[in-house]
Amino acid sequence: MTQPEPRAATGALDDPTVLRAFAARLREGLYVADADGRLLDASPALATLLGVPEAGALRGRALDALVADAAARRDALHGLA
């Protein structure tokens, strides 16, 4: 007797809609920034952590202006390259 093939997973994280919903429900603050450190997107939890009314208000802001030690952040990013 052969095993049935597994069904395709629904709600996989490679689905942009599922990934966006997943990020929106996390308690951890998430963000996506460009190479210059400008926020392209942020999770609602990050907005809450930073005391901003909504995540959309963070778009376009410089991440260095939002962190306590911008120089340490830049050094850490250099270490990743």
C-alpha atoms as a PDB file:
ATOM      1  CA  MET A   1       0.000   0.000   0.000  1.00  0.00           C
ATOM      2  CA  THR A   2       1.439   3.367  -0.978  1.00  0.00           C
ATOM      3  CA  GLN A   3       1.346   6.462   1.132  1.00  0.00           C
ATOM      4  CA  PRO A   4      -0.685   9.360  -0.248  1.00  0.00           C
ATOM      5  CA  GLU A   5       1.357  12.325  -1.396  1.00  0.00           C
ATOM      6  CA  PRO A   6       1.342  15.153   1.131  1.00  0.00           C
ATOM      7  CA  ARG A   7      -0.980  17.978   0.238  1.00  0.00           C
ATOM      8  CA  ALA A   8       0.529  21.340  -0.523  1.00  0.00           C
ATOM      9  CA  ALA A   9       0.793  23.399   2.630  1.00  0.00           C
ATOM     10  CA  THR A  10      -1.653  26.224   2.856  1.00  0.00           C
ATOM     11  CA  GLY A  11      -0.471  29.377   4.472  1.00  0.00           C
ATOM     12  CA  ALA A  12       3.191  28.935   3.567  1.00  0.00           C
ATOM     13  CA  LEU A  13       5.492  31.824   4.434  1.00  0.00           C
ATOM     14  CA  ASP A  14       6.509  32.193   0.803  1.00  0.00           C
ATOM     15  CA  ASP A  15       3.002  33.567   0.168  1.00  0.00           C
ATOM     16  CA  PRO A  16       3.276  37.374   0.574  1.00  0.00           C
ATOM     17  CA  THR A  17      -0.249  37.654   1.997  1.00  0.00           C
ATOM     18  CA  VAL A  18       0.443  35.012   4.640  1.00  0.00           C
ATOM     19  CA  LEU A  19       3.839  36.499   5.471  1.00  0.00           C
ATOM     20  CA  ARG A  20       2.353  39.989   5.921  1.00  0.00           C
ATOM     21  CA  ALA A  21      -0.381  38.616   8.220  1.00  0.00           C
ATOM     22  CA  PHE A  22       2.230  36.662  10.196  1.00  0.00           C
ATOM     23  CA  ALA A  23       4.407  39.752  10.682  1.00  0.00           C
ATOM     24  CA  ALA A  24       1.397  41.840  11.705  1.00  0.00           C
ATOM     25  CA  ARG A  25       0.578  39.411  14.524  1.00  0.00           C
ATOM     26  CA  LEU A  26       4.074  39.120  16.004  1.00  0.00           C
ATOM     27  CA  ARG A  27       4.832  40.887  19.267  1.00  0.00           C
ATOM     28  CA  GLU A  28       8.402  41.543  18.131  1.00  0.00           C
ATOM     29  CA  GLY A  29       9.049  44.699  16.163  1.00  0.00           C
ATOM     30  CA  LEU A  30      10.066  43.992  12.576  1.00  0.00           C
ATOM     31  CA  TYR A  31      11.206  46.362   9.875  1.00  0.00           C
ATOM     32  CA  VAL A  32      12.596  46.435   6.363  1.00  0.00           C
ATOM     33  CA  ALA A  33      15.058  49.194   5.521  1.00  0.00           C
ATOM     34  CA  ASP A  34      16.922  50.205   2.407  1.00  0.00           C
ATOM     35  CA  ALA A  35      20.720  50.427   2.164  1.00  0.00           C
ATOM     36  CA  ASP A  36      20.610  53.995   3.498  1.00  0.00           C
ATOM     37  CA  GLY A  37      18.700  52.936   6.619  1.00  0.00           C
ATOM     38  CA  ARG A  38      15.334  54.400   5.604  1.00  0.00           C
ATOM     39  CA  LEU A  39      12.361  52.322   6.681  1.00  0.00           C
ATOM     40  CA  LEU A  40      10.440  50.769   3.820  1.00  0.00           C
ATOM     41  CA  ASP A  41       8.007  48.852   6.003  1.00  0.00           C
ATOM     42  CA  ALA A  42       7.452  48.117   9.681  1.00  0.00           C
ATOM     43  CA  SER A  43       5.262  45.905  11.799  1.00  0.00           C
ATOM     44  CA  PRO A  44       2.552  47.246  14.118  1.00  0.00           C
ATOM     45  CA  ALA A  45       4.594  45.938  17.077  1.00  0.00           C
ATOM     46  CA  LEU A  46       7.550  48.137  16.105  1.00  0.00           C
ATOM     47  CA  ALA A  47       5.271  51.151  15.959  1.00  0.00           C
ATOM     48  CA  THR A  48       4.004  50.312  19.444  1.00  0.00           C
ATOM     49  CA  LEU A  49       7.551  49.870  20.771  1.00  0.00           C
ATOM     50  CA  LEU A  50       8.524  53.264  19.378  1.00  0.00           C
ATOM     51  CA  GLY A  51       5.350  55.004  20.553  1.00  0.00           C
ATOM     52  CA  VAL A  52       4.146  55.750  17.032  1.00  0.00           C
ATOM     53  CA  PRO A  53       0.384  55.542  16.372  1.00  0.00           C
ATOM     54  CA  GLU A  54       0.690  53.307  13.284  1.00  0.00           C
ATOM     55  CA  ALA A  55       3.384  51.483  11.331  1.00  0.00           C
ATOM     56  CA  GLY A  56       2.761  53.521   8.186  1.00  0.00           C
ATOM     57  CA  ALA A  57       4.010  56.626   9.997  1.00  0.00           C
ATOM     58  CA  LEU A  58       7.484  55.033  10.125  1.00  0.00           C
ATOM     59  CA  ARG A  59       7.884  54.630   6.357  1.00  0.00           C
ATOM     60  CA  GLY A  60      10.619  56.836   4.992  1.00  0.00           C
ATOM     61  CA  ARG A  61      12.057  57.653   8.411  1.00  0.00           C
ATOM     62  CA  ALA A  62      15.762  57.164   9.018  1.00  0.00           C
ATOM     63  CA  LEU A  63      16.359  54.242  11.338  1.00  0.00           C
ATOM     64  CA  ASP A  64      19.321  56.072  12.903  1.00  0.00           C
ATOM     65  CA  ALA A  65      16.889  58.688  14.209  1.00  0.00           C
ATOM     66  CA  LEU A  66      14.882  55.974  15.980  1.00  0.00           C
ATOM     67  CA  VAL A  67      17.610  54.027  17.781  1.00  0.00           C
ATOM     68  CA  ALA A  68      19.473  55.012  20.929  1.00  0.00           C
ATOM     69  CA  ASP A  69      22.973  54.345  19.600  1.00  0.00           C
ATOM     70  CA  ALA A  70      23.094  54.900  15.852  1.00  0.00           C
ATOM     71  CA  ALA A  71      26.879  54.443  15.675  1.00  0.00           C
ATOM     72  CA  ALA A  72      26.668  51.002  17.318  1.00  0.00           C
ATOM     73  CA  ARG A  73      23.951  50.017  14.839  1.00  0.00           C
ATOM     74  CA  ARG A  74      26.117  51.076  11.884  1.00  0.00           C
ATOM     75  CA  ASP A  75      29.101  49.149  13.319  1.00  0.00           C
ATOM     76  CA  ALA A  76      26.949  46.039  13.711  1.00  0.00           C
ATOM     77  CA  LEU A  77      25.756  46.306  10.116  1.00  0.00           C
ATOM     78  CA  HIS A  78      29.342  46.598   8.887  1.00  0.00           C
ATOM     79  CA  GLY A  79      30.114  43.380  10.737  1.00  0.00           C
ATOM     80  CA  LEU A  80      27.416  41.594   8.722  1.00  0.00           C
ATOM     81  CA  ALA A  81      28.848  42.583   5.345  1.00  0.00           C
END
